Amino acid sequence: MAILGFLMIGTFLYLVMSKRVSVLIAFALVPIIFALIGGFGLEIGKMMLDGIAKVTPTGIMIGFSILYFGLMIDKGLFDPMITRLIRFAKGDPLKIVMATAIITLVVALDGDGSATFMITVTALLPIYKRLGMSSLTLAGVVALGAGVMNIIPWGGPLARAMVSLGAGSSELFNPIIPAMLAGAVWVVFVSYIFGKKERKRIGIISNKGDSMESGEIAATLEMSSSLPKLYWFNLILTISLIVALIMEIIPVPVLFIIAFAIALLVNFPDVKKQQEQIASHAQSMVMVCTTIFAAGIFTGILSGTKMIDAMAVSMVSAIPDWLGGHLPILVAVVSMPLSLIFSPDAFYYGLLPVLSEAGAAFGVDPIEIGRAALLGNGTTGFPLSPLNPSVFVLIGLCKVDLGDLQKKIFFWAFGSTIVMTIVALLTGAIPL
């Protein structure tokens, strides 16, 4: 079963990264083929349905969030911010990219990767388009920033680790705060490198130049000082939505449905206009949501066939005795690439308990294994993994290919893990 699981994952990654087929097709068909090879027959149907049921709330949330923020962009909610940021950057791509990193690090404090992607990308993508900058650069910097901040106590990875290890948030999180801060500095540094490349590619667009591009920027800066219609209502509604999302007053999928319904009613009182507004963003919604539901088939079969359990056991059994005492370092380094193989739930609920037990056999505190896992899988791994639904929010909004995003920032994301691991070693958060 372990061999079958590894072959299935490897086939999926090869097909997606080589662009042989779309992510949706790979998610839907590859696991079915391998489950049939494993002899599961009619049991596959229930496995797939269980997997789809688990991702349904995410699919609903993402679908309605696309409609909501699409409406807000159409109504000019972010135009004042865009104008001020363009004026500050003065057409300098370097400043824009570095501002992207800082904004992402701040917005990611909400602990929700999907919300971070939605808020940050929807605010900044128009700027990138106006300046002719690469949306892949935007996706890469946002992914790196959101990844580093993903280990805050109210985020998903640390919550899963707490349940898996029976530990408190202070035990897991407090010792790795210096490492997280170092990771944030690394992200800003990487954004500087990306920004330099963008500046070299398109140059600094002068607001007073005669080129078509500079004319567009100048026109943007000379926009009327009057705010868009219903600006304050839309701003208050959006802030309320974000606050409610952070406080988890009601389930997030329901929250976005309600917020979109209110926004649609107020901004477009006419029923025909409402339908036209929905239709204008329907394609983006369908593309992202169908991929998420297909991912449910993949994770459902992976879990239902017990391939994931067999893979975890086989990996741990391969660790030699001499390496056992250094298991935290090994986990920190390899957990980032392992995020491409294991979904967050599979990693924290399936693999981490086995790794922590193996560490205990070698005299290593399971809490230290948990911290090490967070430095790789919990941070830089999550925005690159095709098994994490929120990554499709990012690539859907930026309209970039998952394989291209992985190729662009894998090295830099792995660098984040290395930097944070070194700091964690120096501060004693994980043992040498």
Protein backbone atom coordinates (compact mmCIF):
# COMPACT_ATOMS: atom_id res chain seq x y z
CA MET A 1 0.00 0.00 0.00
CA ALA A 2 2.87 2.36 0.77
CA ILE A 3 4.44 1.73 -2.63
CA LEU A 4 1.08 2.25 -4.31
CA GLY A 5 0.61 5.52 -2.41
CA PHE A 6 4.01 6.86 -3.33
CA LEU A 7 3.47 5.92 -6.97
CA MET A 8 0.10 7.68 -6.97
CA ILE A 9 1.53 10.86 -5.47
CA GLY A 10 4.51 10.76 -7.80
CA THR A 11 2.29 10.29 -10.85
CA PHE A 12 0.07 13.17 -9.79
CA LEU A 13 3.00 15.55 -9.21
CA TYR A 14 4.64 14.57 -12.50
CA LEU A 15 1.47 15.14 -14.50
CA VAL A 16 0.77 18.51 -12.87
CA MET A 17 4.30 19.93 -12.84
CA SER A 18 5.01 18.78 -16.41
CA LYS A 19 1.63 20.20 -17.50
CA ARG A 20 0.61 16.92 -19.12
CA VAL A 21 -2.93 17.37 -17.78
CA SER A 22 -4.78 19.98 -15.74
CA VAL A 23 -4.80 19.80 -11.94
CA LEU A 24 -8.52 19.00 -11.97
CA ILE A 25 -8.13 15.97 -14.22
CA ALA A 26 -5.14 14.68 -12.24
CA PHE A 27 -7.05 15.05 -8.97
CA ALA A 28 -10.10 13.24 -10.29
CA LEU A 29 -8.65 10.38 -12.34
CA VAL A 30 -5.22 9.45 -10.94
CA PRO A 31 -6.45 8.31 -7.49
CA ILE A 32 -9.31 6.30 -9.04
CA ILE A 33 -6.87 4.38 -11.24
CA PHE A 34 -4.56 3.58 -8.33
CA ALA A 35 -7.44 2.65 -6.04
CA LEU A 36 -8.66 0.16 -8.69
CA ILE A 37 -5.15 -1.23 -8.96
CA GLY A 38 -5.23 -1.68 -5.18
CA GLY A 39 -8.39 -3.76 -5.53
CA PHE A 40 -10.83 -1.48 -3.73
CA GLY A 41 -13.59 -1.68 -6.33
CA LEU A 42 -16.98 -0.34 -5.26
CA GLU A 43 -15.57 1.00 -1.99
CA ILE A 44 -14.06 3.87 -3.98
CA GLY A 45 -17.39 5.66 -4.26
CA LYS A 46 -17.80 6.20 -0.51
CA MET A 47 -14.14 7.24 -0.17
CA MET A 48 -14.56 9.89 -2.84
CA LEU A 49 -17.80 11.18 -1.35
CA ASP A 50 -16.23 11.40 2.11
CA GLY A 51 -13.32 13.38 0.68
CA ILE A 52 -15.62 15.75 -1.21
CA ALA A 53 -17.71 16.29 1.93
CA LYS A 54 -14.59 17.40 3.83
CA VAL A 55 -13.63 20.03 1.26
CA THR A 56 -17.16 21.29 0.62
CA PRO A 57 -17.04 24.09 3.24
CA THR A 58 -13.77 25.29 1.72
CA GLY A 59 -15.26 25.20 -1.77
CA ILE A 60 -18.28 27.23 -0.66
CA MET A 61 -16.11 29.77 1.14
CA ILE A 62 -13.76 30.22 -1.81
CA GLY A 63 -16.57 30.43 -4.35
CA PHE A 64 -18.46 33.16 -2.56
CA SER A 65 -15.27 34.99 -1.56
CA ILE A 66 -14.39 35.27 -5.26
CA LEU A 67 -17.83 36.73 -5.95
CA TYR A 68 -17.60 39.10 -2.98
CA PHE A 69 -14.15 40.52 -3.61
CA GLY A 70 -14.83 40.60 -7.34
CA LEU A 71 -17.78 42.86 -6.62
CA MET A 72 -15.67 45.07 -4.36
CA ILE A 73 -13.00 45.46 -7.04
CA ASP A 74 -15.64 46.33 -9.61
CA LYS A 75 -17.07 48.99 -7.29
CA GLY A 76 -13.64 50.57 -6.76
CA LEU A 77 -13.17 49.74 -3.08
CA PHE A 78 -9.40 49.45 -3.47
CA ASP A 79 -8.91 52.35 -5.88
CA PRO A 80 -7.95 54.95 -3.22
CA MET A 81 -5.39 52.57 -1.73
CA ILE A 82 -4.03 51.74 -5.17
CA THR A 83 -3.66 55.42 -6.04
CA ARG A 84 -1.74 56.17 -2.84
CA LEU A 85 0.51 53.14 -3.22
CA ILE A 86 1.33 54.03 -6.83
CA ARG A 87 2.10 57.58 -5.76
CA PHE A 88 4.38 56.27 -2.98
CA ALA A 89 6.14 53.83 -5.28
CA LYS A 90 6.47 56.45 -8.03
CA GLY A 91 6.36 53.71 -10.66
CA ASP A 92 9.18 51.74 -9.00
CA PRO A 93 8.51 47.97 -9.19
CA LEU A 94 11.05 47.36 -6.41
CA LYS A 95 9.02 49.37 -3.91
CA ILE A 96 5.80 47.69 -5.03
CA VAL A 97 7.17 44.18 -4.51
CA MET A 98 8.65 44.99 -1.10
CA ALA A 99 5.37 46.64 -0.09
CA THR A 100 3.65 43.42 -1.16
CA ALA A 101 5.78 41.40 1.26
CA ILE A 102 5.13 43.73 4.20
CA ILE A 103 1.38 43.95 3.52
CA THR A 104 1.15 40.16 3.32
CA LEU A 105 3.00 39.67 6.62
CA VAL A 106 0.55 42.03 8.32
CA VAL A 107 -2.62 40.69 6.71
CA ALA A 108 -1.58 37.10 7.44
CA LEU A 109 -2.02 37.80 11.15
CA ASP A 110 -5.65 36.76 10.67
CA GLY A 111 -4.42 33.15 10.59
CA ASP A 112 -6.46 32.21 7.53
CA GLY A 113 -4.40 31.49 4.42
CA SER A 114 -7.34 31.78 2.05
CA ALA A 115 -8.40 35.13 3.51
CA THR A 116 -4.82 36.40 3.34
CA PHE A 117 -4.60 35.52 -0.34
CA MET A 118 -7.96 37.06 -1.13
CA ILE A 119 -7.38 40.32 0.69
CA THR A 120 -3.78 40.86 -0.40
CA VAL A 121 -4.08 39.81 -4.03
CA THR A 122 -7.32 41.67 -4.68
CA ALA A 123 -5.76 44.85 -3.31
CA LEU A 124 -2.45 44.58 -5.17
CA LEU A 125 -3.17 42.79 -8.45
CA PRO A 126 -4.57 45.94 -10.13
CA ILE A 127 -1.31 47.76 -9.34
CA TYR A 128 0.76 44.98 -10.90
CA LYS A 129 -1.43 45.04 -14.00
CA ARG A 130 -1.21 48.82 -14.37
CA LEU A 131 2.57 48.77 -14.10
CA GLY A 132 2.96 45.74 -16.36
CA MET A 133 4.50 43.67 -13.57
CA SER A 134 4.40 39.89 -13.38
CA SER A 135 1.43 38.42 -11.53
CA LEU A 136 3.64 35.38 -10.86
CA THR A 137 5.93 37.63 -8.82
CA LEU A 138 2.91 38.81 -6.85
CA ALA A 139 1.78 35.22 -6.23
CA GLY A 140 5.29 34.18 -5.19
CA VAL A 141 5.85 36.98 -2.67
CA VAL A 142 2.38 36.58 -1.18
CA ALA A 143 2.91 32.82 -0.88
CA LEU A 144 6.23 33.29 0.91
CA GLY A 145 4.85 35.88 3.33
CA ALA A 146 1.69 33.96 4.13
CA GLY A 147 3.72 30.79 4.61
CA VAL A 148 6.01 32.22 7.26
CA MET A 149 3.05 33.64 9.21
CA ASN A 150 1.03 30.43 8.97
CA ILE A 151 2.31 29.06 12.30
CA ILE A 152 0.64 31.61 14.56
CA PRO A 153 -1.39 29.96 17.36
CA TRP A 154 -4.77 30.52 15.73
CA GLY A 155 -3.61 29.12 12.39
CA GLY A 156 -4.38 25.66 11.09
CA PRO A 157 -0.97 23.93 11.35
CA LEU A 158 -0.35 24.74 15.00
CA ALA A 159 -3.92 23.80 15.91
CA ARG A 160 -3.44 20.41 14.23
CA ALA A 161 -0.09 19.90 15.96
CA MET A 162 -1.62 20.74 19.34
CA VAL A 163 -4.33 18.10 18.88
CA SER A 164 -1.91 15.52 17.50
CA LEU A 165 0.65 15.91 20.30
CA GLY A 166 -1.70 16.88 23.12
CA ALA A 167 0.35 20.06 23.70
CA GLY A 168 -0.45 23.67 24.49
CA SER A 169 0.11 26.54 22.07
CA SER A 170 2.72 28.16 24.32
CA GLU A 171 4.82 24.99 24.34
CA LEU A 172 4.88 24.76 20.58
CA PHE A 173 4.75 28.39 19.47
CA ASN A 174 6.58 30.62 21.96
CA PRO A 175 10.05 29.06 21.47
CA ILE A 176 9.85 29.45 17.67
CA ILE A 177 8.80 33.12 17.66
CA PRO A 178 12.42 34.27 16.96
CA ALA A 179 12.55 31.79 14.06
CA MET A 180 9.29 33.13 12.65
CA LEU A 181 10.59 36.71 12.85
CA ALA A 182 13.76 35.63 11.05
CA GLY A 183 11.59 34.06 8.37
CA ALA A 184 9.73 37.35 7.95
CA VAL A 185 13.02 39.18 7.43
CA TRP A 186 13.99 36.57 4.85
CA VAL A 187 10.73 37.15 2.96
CA VAL A 188 11.39 40.89 2.78
CA PHE A 189 14.91 40.14 1.53
CA VAL A 190 13.57 37.83 -1.18
CA SER A 191 11.03 40.47 -2.18
CA TYR A 192 13.93 42.89 -2.64
CA ILE A 193 15.57 40.41 -5.04
CA PHE A 194 12.34 39.88 -6.97
CA GLY A 195 11.75 43.63 -7.04
CA LYS A 196 15.20 44.28 -8.48
CA LYS A 197 14.46 41.82 -11.27
CA GLU A 198 11.13 43.49 -12.04
CA ARG A 199 12.77 46.92 -12.05
CA LYS A 200 15.44 45.65 -14.45
CA ARG A 201 12.78 44.11 -16.71
CA ILE A 202 10.37 47.05 -17.03
CA GLY A 203 12.26 49.94 -15.45
CA ILE A 204 10.89 52.73 -13.27
CA ILE A 205 7.82 54.21 -14.90
CA SER A 206 8.02 57.97 -14.65
CA ASN A 207 4.77 59.73 -13.83
CA LYS A 208 5.74 62.57 -16.16
CA GLY A 209 7.01 60.56 -19.10
CA ASP A 210 5.56 60.42 -22.56
CA SER A 211 5.22 56.64 -22.88
CA MET A 212 1.82 55.00 -22.92
CA GLU A 213 2.56 53.24 -19.63
CA SER A 214 3.59 56.40 -17.84
CA GLY A 215 0.52 58.15 -19.22
CA GLU A 216 -1.70 55.50 -17.65
CA ILE A 217 0.01 55.89 -14.29
CA ALA A 218 -0.28 59.66 -14.47
CA ALA A 219 -3.96 59.33 -15.25
CA THR A 220 -4.35 57.10 -12.22
CA LEU A 221 -2.66 59.62 -9.97
CA GLU A 222 -4.88 62.38 -11.32
CA MET A 223 -8.09 60.50 -10.51
CA SER A 224 -10.86 62.55 -8.98
CA SER A 225 -10.53 63.01 -5.25
CA SER A 226 -14.14 61.92 -4.85
CA LEU A 227 -14.56 58.38 -3.54
CA PRO A 228 -16.41 55.68 -5.51
CA LYS A 229 -20.14 55.36 -4.99
CA LEU A 230 -21.07 53.49 -1.78
CA TYR A 231 -17.38 53.46 -0.83
CA TRP A 232 -17.93 53.84 2.89
CA PHE A 233 -20.66 51.22 3.01
CA ASN A 234 -18.47 48.72 1.13
CA LEU A 235 -15.47 49.53 3.31
CA ILE A 236 -17.40 49.06 6.55
CA LEU A 237 -18.97 45.85 5.26
CA THR A 238 -15.56 44.47 4.25
CA ILE A 239 -13.95 45.38 7.57
CA SER A 240 -16.88 43.80 9.41
CA LEU A 241 -16.47 40.69 7.29
CA ILE A 242 -12.77 40.43 8.13
CA VAL A 243 -13.38 41.00 11.86
CA ALA A 244 -16.14 38.40 11.90
CA LEU A 245 -13.87 36.02 9.99
CA ILE A 246 -11.06 36.41 12.53
CA MET A 247 -13.41 36.11 15.51
CA GLU A 248 -15.21 33.14 13.91
CA ILE A 249 -18.59 34.51 14.98
CA ILE A 250 -20.33 32.20 12.51
CA PRO A 251 -18.94 29.55 10.13
CA VAL A 252 -16.81 31.18 7.44
CA PRO A 253 -18.64 29.71 4.41
CA VAL A 254 -21.96 31.06 5.72
CA LEU A 255 -20.28 34.39 6.50
CA PHE A 256 -19.23 34.91 2.90
CA ILE A 257 -22.65 33.94 1.56
CA ILE A 258 -24.32 36.52 3.81
CA ALA A 259 -21.76 39.24 3.08
CA PHE A 260 -22.04 38.72 -0.67
CA ALA A 261 -25.84 38.76 -0.54
CA ILE A 262 -25.82 42.08 1.36
CA ALA A 263 -23.21 43.64 -0.93
CA LEU A 264 -25.05 42.51 -4.06
CA LEU A 265 -28.39 43.83 -2.84
CA VAL A 266 -27.06 47.26 -1.83
CA ASN A 267 -24.74 47.83 -4.79
CA PHE A 268 -27.07 46.38 -7.43
CA PRO A 269 -30.74 46.81 -6.42
CA ASP A 270 -31.90 45.74 -9.89
CA VAL A 271 -32.27 41.94 -10.26
CA LYS A 272 -30.92 41.94 -13.82
CA LYS A 273 -27.82 43.82 -12.71
CA GLN A 274 -27.34 41.32 -9.89
CA GLN A 275 -27.36 38.45 -12.35
CA GLU A 276 -24.91 40.24 -14.62
CA GLN A 277 -22.55 40.85 -11.69
CA ILE A 278 -22.59 37.18 -10.71
CA ALA A 279 -22.03 36.11 -14.30
CA SER A 280 -19.03 38.44 -14.67
CA HIS A 281 -17.07 36.40 -12.08
CA ALA A 282 -18.70 33.02 -12.62
CA GLN A 283 -15.82 31.65 -14.70
CA SER A 284 -13.22 32.30 -11.99
CA MET A 285 -15.53 30.82 -9.37
CA VAL A 286 -16.18 27.65 -11.36
CA MET A 287 -12.51 27.08 -12.22
CA VAL A 288 -11.38 27.27 -8.61
CA CYS A 289 -14.30 25.44 -7.00
CA THR A 290 -14.27 22.50 -9.41
CA THR A 291 -10.57 21.97 -8.68
CA ILE A 292 -11.22 21.98 -4.94
CA PHE A 293 -14.00 19.39 -5.21
CA ALA A 294 -11.77 17.23 -7.40
CA ALA A 295 -9.07 17.50 -4.71
CA GLY A 296 -11.60 15.96 -2.32
CA ILE A 297 -11.57 12.80 -4.46
CA PHE A 298 -7.79 12.66 -4.18
CA THR A 299 -7.60 13.10 -0.41
CA GLY A 300 -10.62 10.85 0.15
CA ILE A 301 -9.05 7.91 -1.66
CA LEU A 302 -5.64 8.56 -0.11
CA SER A 303 -7.15 8.32 3.37
CA GLY A 304 -9.85 5.74 2.71
CA THR A 305 -7.48 3.19 1.20
CA LYS A 306 -5.08 3.65 4.15
CA MET A 307 -2.28 4.40 1.69
CA ILE A 308 -1.37 7.41 3.79
CA ASP A 309 -0.96 5.29 6.93
CA ALA A 310 1.24 2.77 5.17
CA MET A 311 3.37 5.56 3.69
CA ALA A 312 3.94 7.12 7.11
CA VAL A 313 4.98 3.84 8.73
CA SER A 314 7.35 2.95 5.89
CA MET A 315 9.04 6.34 6.06
CA VAL A 316 9.67 6.13 9.80
CA SER A 317 10.96 2.55 9.59
CA ALA A 318 13.63 3.74 7.16
CA ILE A 319 15.28 6.07 9.72
CA PRO A 320 18.64 4.61 10.90
CA ASP A 321 19.52 4.56 14.61
CA TRP A 322 22.40 7.01 14.28
CA LEU A 323 20.06 9.60 12.83
CA GLY A 324 17.36 9.19 15.46
CA GLY A 325 18.87 11.70 17.88
CA HIS A 326 18.93 14.34 15.14
CA LEU A 327 15.35 13.68 14.09
CA PRO A 328 14.11 17.27 14.79
CA ILE A 329 16.59 18.72 12.28
CA LEU A 330 15.65 16.05 9.75
CA VAL A 331 11.94 16.74 10.24
CA ALA A 332 12.43 20.50 9.90
CA VAL A 333 14.35 20.13 6.64
CA VAL A 334 12.27 17.46 4.94
CA SER A 335 8.80 18.51 6.12
CA MET A 336 8.70 21.32 3.57
CA PRO A 337 9.08 19.08 0.49
CA LEU A 338 6.88 16.49 2.21
CA SER A 339 4.05 19.02 2.09
CA LEU A 340 3.87 18.28 -1.64
CA ILE A 341 3.03 14.67 -0.77
CA PHE A 342 0.98 14.90 2.41
CA SER A 343 -2.05 17.10 2.92
CA PRO A 344 -2.00 19.15 6.16
CA ASP A 345 -4.42 16.75 7.85
CA ALA A 346 -2.50 13.72 6.65
CA PHE A 347 0.80 15.16 7.81
CA TYR A 348 -0.25 16.34 11.26
CA TYR A 349 -2.76 13.62 12.08
CA GLY A 350 -1.11 10.74 10.23
CA LEU A 351 2.65 11.27 9.99
CA LEU A 352 3.48 13.58 12.92
CA PRO A 353 2.25 11.18 15.65
CA VAL A 354 4.39 8.41 14.16
CA LEU A 355 7.41 10.72 13.90
CA SER A 356 6.97 11.92 17.47
CA GLU A 357 6.76 8.33 18.73
CA ALA A 358 9.89 7.46 16.78
CA GLY A 359 11.63 10.49 18.26
CA ALA A 360 10.63 9.46 21.78
CA ALA A 361 12.26 6.08 21.14
CA PHE A 362 15.48 7.97 20.42
CA GLY A 363 15.12 10.18 23.51
CA VAL A 364 13.74 13.25 21.69
CA ASP A 365 10.88 15.28 23.19
CA PRO A 366 7.78 14.96 20.95
CA ILE A 367 7.18 18.71 21.39
CA GLU A 368 10.49 19.40 19.67
CA ILE A 369 9.42 17.20 16.76
CA GLY A 370 6.24 19.25 16.56
CA ARG A 371 8.14 22.55 16.46
CA ALA A 372 10.43 21.20 13.76
CA ALA A 373 7.45 20.12 11.67
CA LEU A 374 5.92 23.59 11.92
CA LEU A 375 9.10 25.20 10.59
CA GLY A 376 8.75 23.35 7.29
CA ASN A 377 5.32 21.91 6.65
CA GLY A 378 3.44 24.53 8.65
CA THR A 379 5.11 27.52 7.03
CA THR A 380 6.74 27.44 3.63
CA GLY A 381 5.15 24.19 2.50
CA PHE A 382 1.50 25.11 2.67
CA PRO A 383 1.28 27.73 -0.14
CA LEU A 384 2.98 25.37 -2.61
CA SER A 385 1.18 22.10 -1.92
CA PRO A 386 -1.51 21.03 -4.40
CA LEU A 387 -3.08 19.16 -1.47
CA ASN A 388 -3.85 22.42 0.31
CA PRO A 389 -7.09 23.94 -1.05
CA SER A 390 -6.12 27.52 -0.19
CA VAL A 391 -3.31 27.47 -2.76
CA PHE A 392 -5.99 27.44 -5.46
CA VAL A 393 -7.33 30.71 -4.11
CA LEU A 394 -3.91 32.26 -4.73
CA ILE A 395 -3.34 30.87 -8.21
CA GLY A 396 -6.98 31.49 -9.15
CA LEU A 397 -6.88 35.15 -8.18
CA CYS A 398 -3.48 35.74 -9.79
CA LYS A 399 -4.36 33.57 -12.80
CA VAL A 400 -1.05 31.71 -12.69
CA ASP A 401 -0.21 28.04 -13.08
CA LEU A 402 0.56 25.96 -9.99
CA GLY A 403 3.61 24.41 -11.63
CA ASP A 404 4.99 27.83 -12.54
CA LEU A 405 4.50 29.06 -8.94
CA GLN A 406 6.29 26.01 -7.55
CA LYS A 407 9.21 26.45 -9.94
CA LYS A 408 9.55 30.15 -9.14
CA ILE A 409 9.62 30.01 -5.35
CA PHE A 410 10.46 26.45 -4.26
CA PHE A 411 14.12 27.35 -3.74
CA TRP A 412 13.26 30.55 -1.86
CA ALA A 413 10.60 28.80 0.23
CA PHE A 414 13.07 26.10 1.16
CA GLY A 415 15.45 28.92 2.09
CA SER A 416 12.83 30.21 4.54
CA THR A 417 12.78 26.82 6.23
CA ILE A 418 16.58 26.70 6.44
CA VAL A 419 16.79 30.21 7.90
CA MET A 420 14.12 29.49 10.49
CA THR A 421 15.67 26.12 11.37
CA ILE A 422 19.08 27.71 11.96
CA VAL A 423 17.55 30.34 14.25
CA ALA A 424 15.55 27.65 16.06
CA LEU A 425 18.76 25.71 16.65
CA LEU A 426 20.58 28.80 17.91
CA THR A 427 17.76 29.69 20.31
CA GLY A 428 17.30 26.14 21.53
CA ALA A 429 13.77 25.72 20.19
CA ILE A 430 14.90 22.44 18.64
CA PRO A 431 17.98 20.47 19.73
CA LEU A 432 21.10 19.95 17.65
